Amino acid sequence: MLKNCINGEPTNVNVVPVKDLDLKKLPTPAHIVTPDGMWFSEHEFIWFFHAVVVDENWEKTVKRVLKKHKEATLAAVDVHS
């Protein structure tokens, strides 16, 4: 998922330092969990259904959160495979 947006040659394309990512090429994830445990989500899950969170700027929110945590490591997880 991250292979085409990494600067350099990482040993693992699913676990990458945020500072090594090209945020312009990064696919927009549905969720982000920050190092301090804050959960950001495009959708708010309510029991077995979901309601769309009113965040018309979700892509900008993702980039803002990642820029704030440049020293963190991004682990891409696909739970639907």
PDB file of N, CA and C in Angstrom:
ATOM      1  N   MET A   1       0.818  -1.189   0.000  1.00  0.00           N
ATOM      2  CA  MET A   1       0.000   0.000   0.000  1.00  0.00           C
ATOM      3  C   MET A   1       0.870   1.266   0.000  1.00  0.00           C
ATOM      4  N   LEU A   2       2.046   1.202   0.639  1.00  0.00           N
ATOM      5  CA  LEU A   2       2.903   2.387   0.744  1.00  0.00           C
ATOM      6  C   LEU A   2       4.021   2.415  -0.289  1.00  0.00           C
ATOM      7  N   LYS A   3       4.176   1.329  -1.042  1.00  0.00           N
ATOM      8  CA  LYS A   3       5.342   1.148  -1.917  1.00  0.00           C
ATOM      9  C   LYS A   3       5.619   2.343  -2.828  1.00  0.00           C
ATOM     10  N   ASN A   4       4.606   2.953  -3.382  1.00  0.00           N
ATOM     11  CA  ASN A   4       4.804   4.031  -4.356  1.00  0.00           C
ATOM     12  C   ASN A   4       4.926   5.421  -3.746  1.00  0.00           C
ATOM     13  N   CYS A   5       4.942   5.515  -2.434  1.00  0.00           N
ATOM     14  CA  CYS A   5       5.017   6.842  -1.822  1.00  0.00           C
ATOM     15  C   CYS A   5       6.183   6.958  -0.832  1.00  0.00           C
ATOM     16  N   ILE A   6       7.158   6.053  -0.928  1.00  0.00           N
ATOM     17  CA  ILE A   6       8.294   6.050  -0.013  1.00  0.00           C
ATOM     18  C   ILE A   6       9.515   6.642  -0.695  1.00  0.00           C
ATOM     19  N   ASN A   7      10.192   7.543   0.000  1.00  0.00           N
ATOM     20  CA  ASN A   7      11.462   8.090  -0.474  1.00  0.00           C
ATOM     21  C   ASN A   7      12.566   7.170   0.035  1.00  0.00           C
ATOM     22  N   GLY A   8      13.396   6.670  -0.855  1.00  0.00           N
ATOM     23  CA  GLY A   8      14.460   5.763  -0.454  1.00  0.00           C
ATOM     24  C   GLY A   8      14.059   4.317  -0.685  1.00  0.00           C
ATOM     25  N   GLU A   9      14.810   3.407  -0.080  1.00  0.00           N
ATOM     26  CA  GLU A   9      14.573   1.974  -0.249  1.00  0.00           C
ATOM     27  C   GLU A   9      14.429   1.306   1.118  1.00  0.00           C
ATOM     28  N   PRO A  10      13.226   1.274   1.657  1.00  0.00           N
ATOM     29  CA  PRO A  10      13.024   0.669   2.978  1.00  0.00           C
ATOM     30  C   PRO A  10      13.116  -0.855   2.913  1.00  0.00           C
ATOM     31  N   THR A  11      13.405  -1.453   4.044  1.00  0.00           N
ATOM     32  CA  THR A  11      13.446  -2.915   4.108  1.00  0.00           C
ATOM     33  C   THR A  11      12.048  -3.494   4.235  1.00  0.00           C
ATOM     34  N   ASN A  12      11.113  -2.721   4.757  1.00  0.00           N
ATOM     35  CA  ASN A  12       9.735  -3.178   4.910  1.00  0.00           C
ATOM     36  C   ASN A  12       8.817  -2.078   4.396  1.00  0.00           C
ATOM     37  N   VAL A  13       8.087  -2.333   3.336  1.00  0.00           N
ATOM     38  CA  VAL A  13       7.230  -1.299   2.735  1.00  0.00           C
ATOM     39  C   VAL A  13       5.922  -1.089   3.483  1.00  0.00           C
ATOM     40  N   ASN A  14       5.685  -1.825   4.563  1.00  0.00           N
ATOM     41  CA  ASN A  14       4.471  -1.643   5.359  1.00  0.00           C
ATOM     42  C   ASN A  14       4.738  -0.953   6.687  1.00  0.00           C
ATOM     43  N   VAL A  15       6.001  -0.788   7.038  1.00  0.00           N
ATOM     44  CA  VAL A  15       6.389  -0.104   8.271  1.00  0.00           C
ATOM     45  C   VAL A  15       7.470   0.899   7.889  1.00  0.00           C
ATOM     46  N   VAL A  16       7.093   2.182   7.842  1.00  0.00           N
ATOM     47  CA  VAL A  16       7.965   3.209   7.284  1.00  0.00           C
ATOM     48  C   VAL A  16       7.964   4.449   8.182  1.00  0.00           C
ATOM     49  N   PRO A  17       9.128   5.051   8.428  1.00  0.00           N
ATOM     50  CA  PRO A  17       9.141   6.324   9.144  1.00  0.00           C
ATOM     51  C   PRO A  17       8.324   7.367   8.371  1.00  0.00           C
ATOM     52  N   VAL A  18       7.507   8.105   9.064  1.00  0.00           N
ATOM     53  CA  VAL A  18       6.657   9.115   8.414  1.00  0.00           C
ATOM     54  C   VAL A  18       7.509  10.104   7.631  1.00  0.00           C
ATOM     55  N   LYS A  19       8.682  10.447   8.157  1.00  0.00           N
ATOM     56  CA  LYS A  19       9.545  11.422   7.475  1.00  0.00           C
ATOM     57  C   LYS A  19      10.028  10.919   6.112  1.00  0.00           C
ATOM     58  N   ASP A  20       9.946   9.600   5.846  1.00  0.00           N
ATOM     59  CA  ASP A  20      10.373   9.038   4.565  1.00  0.00           C
ATOM     60  C   ASP A  20       9.235   8.903   3.555  1.00  0.00           C
ATOM     61  N   LEU A  21       8.064   9.402   3.898  1.00  0.00           N
ATOM     62  CA  LEU A  21       6.900   9.295   3.009  1.00  0.00           C
ATOM     63  C   LEU A  21       6.717  10.548   2.167  1.00  0.00           C
ATOM     64  N   ASP A  22       6.298  10.359   0.937  1.00  0.00           N
ATOM     65  CA  ASP A  22       5.879  11.466   0.092  1.00  0.00           C
ATOM     66  C   ASP A  22       4.369  11.592   0.307  1.00  0.00           C
ATOM     67  N   LEU A  23       3.968  12.543   1.137  1.00  0.00           N
ATOM     68  CA  LEU A  23       2.561  12.664   1.512  1.00  0.00           C
ATOM     69  C   LEU A  23       1.655  13.003   0.334  1.00  0.00           C
ATOM     70  N   LYS A  24       2.228  13.544  -0.744  1.00  0.00           N
ATOM     71  CA  LYS A  24       1.419  13.848  -1.928  1.00  0.00           C
ATOM     72  C   LYS A  24       0.996  12.571  -2.644  1.00  0.00           C
ATOM     73  N   LYS A  25       1.777  11.503  -2.507  1.00  0.00           N
ATOM     74  CA  LYS A  25       1.476  10.236  -3.177  1.00  0.00           C
ATOM     75  C   LYS A  25       0.794   9.224  -2.260  1.00  0.00           C
ATOM     76  N   LEU A  26       0.739   9.524  -0.981  1.00  0.00           N
ATOM     77  CA  LEU A  26       0.196   8.593   0.004  1.00  0.00           C
ATOM     78  C   LEU A  26      -1.298   8.365  -0.213  1.00  0.00           C
ATOM     79  N   PRO A  27      -1.737   7.105  -0.335  1.00  0.00           N
ATOM     80  CA  PRO A  27      -3.178   6.858  -0.411  1.00  0.00           C
ATOM     81  C   PRO A  27      -3.841   7.265   0.900  1.00  0.00           C
ATOM     82  N   THR A  28      -5.027   7.794   0.824  1.00  0.00           N
ATOM     83  CA  THR A  28      -5.711   8.267   2.026  1.00  0.00           C
ATOM     84  C   THR A  28      -6.288   7.079   2.797  1.00  0.00           C
ATOM     85  N   PRO A  29      -5.812   6.877   4.023  1.00  0.00           N
ATOM     86  CA  PRO A  29      -6.320   5.753   4.824  1.00  0.00           C
ATOM     87  C   PRO A  29      -7.690   6.072   5.413  1.00  0.00           C
ATOM     88  N   ALA A  30      -8.384   5.042   5.852  1.00  0.00           N
ATOM     89  CA  ALA A  30      -9.677   5.235   6.502  1.00  0.00           C
ATOM     90  C   ALA A  30      -9.507   5.595   7.974  1.00  0.00           C
ATOM     91  N   HIS A  31      -8.373   5.194   8.571  1.00  0.00           N
ATOM     92  CA  HIS A  31      -8.126   5.442   9.997  1.00  0.00           C
ATOM     93  C   HIS A  31      -6.655   5.737  10.237  1.00  0.00           C
ATOM     94  N   ILE A  32      -6.387   6.499  11.292  1.00  0.00           N
ATOM     95  CA  ILE A  32      -5.022   6.739  11.759  1.00  0.00           C
ATOM     96  C   ILE A  32      -5.057   6.696  13.281  1.00  0.00           C
ATOM     97  N   VAL A  33      -4.107   5.983  13.871  1.00  0.00           N
ATOM     98  CA  VAL A  33      -3.928   5.991  15.316  1.00  0.00           C
ATOM     99  C   VAL A  33      -2.561   6.613  15.575  1.00  0.00           C
ATOM    100  N   THR A  34      -2.534   7.678  16.353  1.00  0.00           N
ATOM    101  CA  THR A  34      -1.287   8.385  16.622  1.00  0.00           C
ATOM    102  C   THR A  34      -0.499   7.693  17.743  1.00  0.00           C
ATOM    103  N   PRO A  35       0.779   8.038  17.883  1.00  0.00           N
ATOM    104  CA  PRO A  35       1.595   7.421  18.939  1.00  0.00           C
ATOM    105  C   PRO A  35       1.020   7.611  20.345  1.00  0.00           C
ATOM    106  N   ASP A  36       0.270   8.683  20.562  1.00  0.00           N
ATOM    107  CA  ASP A  36      -0.309   8.930  21.885  1.00  0.00           C
ATOM    108  C   ASP A  36      -1.704   8.319  22.047  1.00  0.00           C
ATOM    109  N   GLY A  37      -2.126   7.491  21.064  1.00  0.00           N
ATOM    110  CA  GLY A  37      -3.377   6.750  21.191  1.00  0.00           C
ATOM    111  C   GLY A  37      -4.620   7.445  20.673  1.00  0.00           C
ATOM    112  N   MET A  38      -4.467   8.597  20.040  1.00  0.00           N
ATOM    113  CA  MET A  38      -5.631   9.278  19.458  1.00  0.00           C
ATOM    114  C   MET A  38      -6.042   8.554  18.184  1.00  0.00           C
ATOM    115  N   TRP A  39      -7.342   8.296  18.029  1.00  0.00           N
ATOM    116  CA  TRP A  39      -7.867   7.582  16.873  1.00  0.00           C
ATOM    117  C   TRP A  39      -8.571   8.583  15.980  1.00  0.00           C
ATOM    118  N   PHE A  40      -8.113   8.713  14.750  1.00  0.00           N
ATOM    119  CA  PHE A  40      -8.764   9.556  13.754  1.00  0.00           C
ATOM    120  C   PHE A  40      -9.372   8.620  12.728  1.00  0.00           C
ATOM    121  N   SER A  41     -10.606   8.896  12.334  1.00  0.00           N
ATOM    122  CA  SER A  41     -11.288   7.997  11.428  1.00  0.00           C
ATOM    123  C   SER A  41     -12.144   8.766  10.436  1.00  0.00           C
ATOM    124  N   GLU A  42     -12.156   8.261   9.223  1.00  0.00           N
ATOM    125  CA  GLU A  42     -13.028   8.843   8.202  1.00  0.00           C
ATOM    126  C   GLU A  42     -14.479   8.525   8.527  1.00  0.00           C
ATOM    127  N   HIS A  43     -14.715   7.390   9.160  1.00  0.00           N
ATOM    128  CA  HIS A  43     -16.060   6.953   9.520  1.00  0.00           C
ATOM    129  C   HIS A  43     -16.133   6.721  11.023  1.00  0.00           C
ATOM    130  N   GLU A  44     -17.253   7.005  11.587  1.00  0.00           N
ATOM    131  CA  GLU A  44     -17.499   6.724  12.999  1.00  0.00           C
ATOM    132  C   GLU A  44     -18.332   5.448  13.053  1.00  0.00           C
ATOM    133  N   PHE A  45     -17.797   4.428  13.680  1.00  0.00           N
ATOM    134  CA  PHE A  45     -18.498   3.151  13.728  1.00  0.00           C
ATOM    135  C   PHE A  45     -19.424   3.097  14.939  1.00  0.00           C
ATOM    136  N   ILE A  46     -20.672   2.764  14.685  1.00  0.00           N
ATOM    137  CA  ILE A  46     -21.680   2.659  15.731  1.00  0.00           C
ATOM    138  C   ILE A  46     -22.233   1.248  15.687  1.00  0.00           C
ATOM    139  N   TRP A  47     -21.841   0.432  16.633  1.00  0.00           N
ATOM    140  CA  TRP A  47     -22.215  -0.978  16.693  1.00  0.00           C
ATOM    141  C   TRP A  47     -21.908  -1.657  15.377  1.00  0.00           C
ATOM    142  N   PHE A  48     -22.912  -2.137  14.664  1.00  0.00           N
ATOM    143  CA  PHE A  48     -22.671  -2.867  13.420  1.00  0.00           C
ATOM    144  C   PHE A  48     -22.851  -1.986  12.190  1.00  0.00           C
ATOM    145  N   PHE A  49     -23.145  -0.749  12.392  1.00  0.00           N
ATOM    146  CA  PHE A  49     -23.343   0.169  11.284  1.00  0.00           C
ATOM    147  C   PHE A  49     -22.349   1.303  11.421  1.00  0.00           C
ATOM    148  N   HIS A  50     -22.175   2.086  10.413  1.00  0.00           N
ATOM    149  CA  HIS A  50     -21.311   3.248  10.516  1.00  0.00           C
ATOM    150  C   HIS A  50     -22.035   4.483   9.991  1.00  0.00           C
ATOM    151  N   ALA A  51     -21.638   5.598  10.526  1.00  0.00           N
ATOM    152  CA  ALA A  51     -22.153   6.884  10.075  1.00  0.00           C
ATOM    153  C   ALA A  51     -20.963   7.694   9.590  1.00  0.00           C
ATOM    154  N   VAL A  52     -21.119   8.410   8.526  1.00  0.00           N
ATOM    155  CA  VAL A  52     -20.025   9.191   7.990  1.00  0.00           C
ATOM    156  C   VAL A  52     -19.758  10.382   8.904  1.00  0.00           C
ATOM    157  N   VAL A  53     -18.502  10.520   9.293  1.00  0.00           N
ATOM    158  CA  VAL A  53     -18.106  11.673  10.087  1.00  0.00           C
ATOM    159  C   VAL A  53     -18.070  12.875   9.156  1.00  0.00           C
ATOM    160  N   VAL A  54     -18.592  13.975   9.598  1.00  0.00           N
ATOM    161  CA  VAL A  54     -18.606  15.164   8.756  1.00  0.00           C
ATOM    162  C   VAL A  54     -17.214  15.800   8.808  1.00  0.00           C
ATOM    163  N   ASP A  55     -16.353  15.333   7.943  1.00  0.00           N
ATOM    164  CA  ASP A  55     -15.008  15.887   7.798  1.00  0.00           C
ATOM    165  C   ASP A  55     -14.752  15.987   6.300  1.00  0.00           C
ATOM    166  N   GLU A  56     -15.209  17.062   5.743  1.00  0.00           N
ATOM    167  CA  GLU A  56     -15.074  17.259   4.308  1.00  0.00           C
ATOM    168  C   GLU A  56     -13.623  17.420   3.888  1.00  0.00           C
ATOM    169  N   ASN A  57     -12.739  17.578   4.866  1.00  0.00           N
ATOM    170  CA  ASN A  57     -11.316  17.767   4.597  1.00  0.00           C
ATOM    171  C   ASN A  57     -10.505  16.577   5.097  1.00  0.00           C
ATOM    172  N   TRP A  58     -11.056  15.343   5.005  1.00  0.00           N
ATOM    173  CA  TRP A  58     -10.399  14.163   5.558  1.00  0.00           C
ATOM    174  C   TRP A  58      -8.971  14.006   5.030  1.00  0.00           C
ATOM    175  N   GLU A  59      -8.770  14.192   3.742  1.00  0.00           N
ATOM    176  CA  GLU A  59      -7.426  14.054   3.181  1.00  0.00           C
ATOM    177  C   GLU A  59      -6.466  15.060   3.805  1.00  0.00           C
ATOM    178  N   LYS A  60      -6.908  16.293   3.993  1.00  0.00           N
ATOM    179  CA  LYS A  60      -6.073  17.306   4.649  1.00  0.00           C
ATOM    180  C   LYS A  60      -5.846  16.957   6.116  1.00  0.00           C
ATOM    181  N   THR A  61      -6.853  16.401   6.781  1.00  0.00           N
ATOM    182  CA  THR A  61      -6.712  15.980   8.174  1.00  0.00           C
ATOM    183  C   THR A  61      -5.627  14.915   8.291  1.00  0.00           C
ATOM    184  N   VAL A  62      -5.638  13.941   7.383  1.00  0.00           N
ATOM    185  CA  VAL A  62      -4.634  12.875   7.384  1.00  0.00           C
ATOM    186  C   VAL A  62      -3.234  13.470   7.255  1.00  0.00           C
ATOM    187  N   LYS A  63      -3.053  14.333   6.291  1.00  0.00           N
ATOM    188  CA  LYS A  63      -1.735  14.935   6.070  1.00  0.00           C
ATOM    189  C   LYS A  63      -1.307  15.792   7.261  1.00  0.00           C
ATOM    190  N   ARG A  64      -2.232  16.506   7.878  1.00  0.00           N
ATOM    191  CA  ARG A  64      -1.917  17.324   9.052  1.00  0.00           C
ATOM    192  C   ARG A  64      -1.451  16.452  10.214  1.00  0.00           C
ATOM    193  N   VAL A  65      -2.153  15.346  10.441  1.00  0.00           N
ATOM    194  CA  VAL A  65      -1.795  14.438  11.535  1.00  0.00           C
ATOM    195  C   VAL A  65      -0.424  13.826  11.275  1.00  0.00           C
ATOM    196  N   LEU A  66      -0.167  13.395  10.046  1.00  0.00           N
ATOM    197  CA  LEU A  66       1.129  12.790   9.741  1.00  0.00           C
ATOM    198  C   LEU A  66       2.262  13.803   9.845  1.00  0.00           C
ATOM    199  N   LYS A  67       2.043  15.028   9.387  1.00  0.00           N
ATOM    200  CA  LYS A  67       3.084  16.067   9.505  1.00  0.00           C
ATOM    201  C   LYS A  67       3.401  16.358  10.966  1.00  0.00           C
ATOM    202  N   LYS A  68       2.398  16.292  11.823  1.00  0.00           N
ATOM    203  CA  LYS A  68       2.593  16.535  13.251  1.00  0.00           C
ATOM    204  C   LYS A  68       3.436  15.428  13.900  1.00  0.00           C
ATOM    205  N   HIS A  69       3.403  14.234  13.306  1.00  0.00           N
ATOM    206  CA  HIS A  69       4.101  13.073  13.872  1.00  0.00           C
ATOM    207  C   HIS A  69       5.201  12.571  12.943  1.00  0.00           C
ATOM    208  N   LYS A  70       5.992  13.507  12.381  1.00  0.00           N
ATOM    209  CA  LYS A  70       7.066  13.159  11.442  1.00  0.00           C
ATOM    210  C   LYS A  70       8.082  12.195  12.030  1.00  0.00           C
ATOM    211  N   GLU A  71       8.289  12.216  13.348  1.00  0.00           N
ATOM    212  CA  GLU A  71       9.283  11.344  13.967  1.00  0.00           C
ATOM    213  C   GLU A  71       8.720   9.970  14.304  1.00  0.00           C
ATOM    214  N   ALA A  72       7.450   9.735  13.998  1.00  0.00           N
ATOM    215  CA  ALA A  72       6.814   8.444  14.269  1.00  0.00           C
ATOM    216  C   ALA A  72       7.045   7.493  13.090  1.00  0.00           C
ATOM    217  N   THR A  73       6.617   6.271  13.260  1.00  0.00           N
ATOM    218  CA  THR A  73       6.679   5.264  12.207  1.00  0.00           C
ATOM    219  C   THR A  73       5.251   4.900  11.822  1.00  0.00           C
ATOM    220  N   LEU A  74       5.012   4.857  10.517  1.00  0.00           N
ATOM    221  CA  LEU A  74       3.688   4.489  10.017  1.00  0.00           C
ATOM    222  C   LEU A  74       3.680   2.993   9.723  1.00  0.00           C
ATOM    223  N   ALA A  75       2.734   2.309  10.288  1.00  0.00           N
ATOM    224  CA  ALA A  75       2.531   0.895   9.997  1.00  0.00           C
ATOM    225  C   ALA A  75       1.217   0.760   9.260  1.00  0.00           C
ATOM    226  N   ALA A  76       1.270   0.306   8.027  1.00  0.00           N
ATOM    227  CA  ALA A  76       0.062   0.133   7.215  1.00  0.00           C
ATOM    228  C   ALA A  76      -0.508  -1.248   7.507  1.00  0.00           C
ATOM    229  N   VAL A  77      -1.779  -1.278   7.857  1.00  0.00           N
ATOM    230  CA  VAL A  77      -2.453  -2.531   8.185  1.00  0.00           C
ATOM    231  C   VAL A  77      -3.719  -2.636   7.345  1.00  0.00           C
ATOM    232  N   ASP A  78      -3.837  -3.706   6.600  1.00  0.00           N
ATOM    233  CA  ASP A  78      -5.046  -3.978   5.824  1.00  0.00           C
ATOM    234  C   ASP A  78      -5.791  -5.095   6.536  1.00  0.00           C
ATOM    235  N   VAL A  79      -6.835  -4.743   7.236  1.00  0.00           N
ATOM    236  CA  VAL A  79      -7.575  -5.731   8.038  1.00  0.00           C
ATOM    237  C   VAL A  79      -8.619  -6.468   7.203  1.00  0.00           C
ATOM    238  N   HIS A  80      -8.721  -6.153   5.934  1.00  0.00           N
ATOM    239  CA  HIS A  80      -9.749  -6.771   5.097  1.00  0.00           C
ATOM    240  C   HIS A  80      -9.192  -7.772   4.094  1.00  0.00           C
ATOM    241  N   SER A  81      -7.938  -8.119   4.207  1.00  0.00           N
ATOM    242  CA  SER A  81      -7.346  -9.062   3.243  1.00  0.00           C
ATOM    243  C   SER A  81      -7.782 -10.477   3.513  1.00  0.00           C
TER     244      SER A  81
END
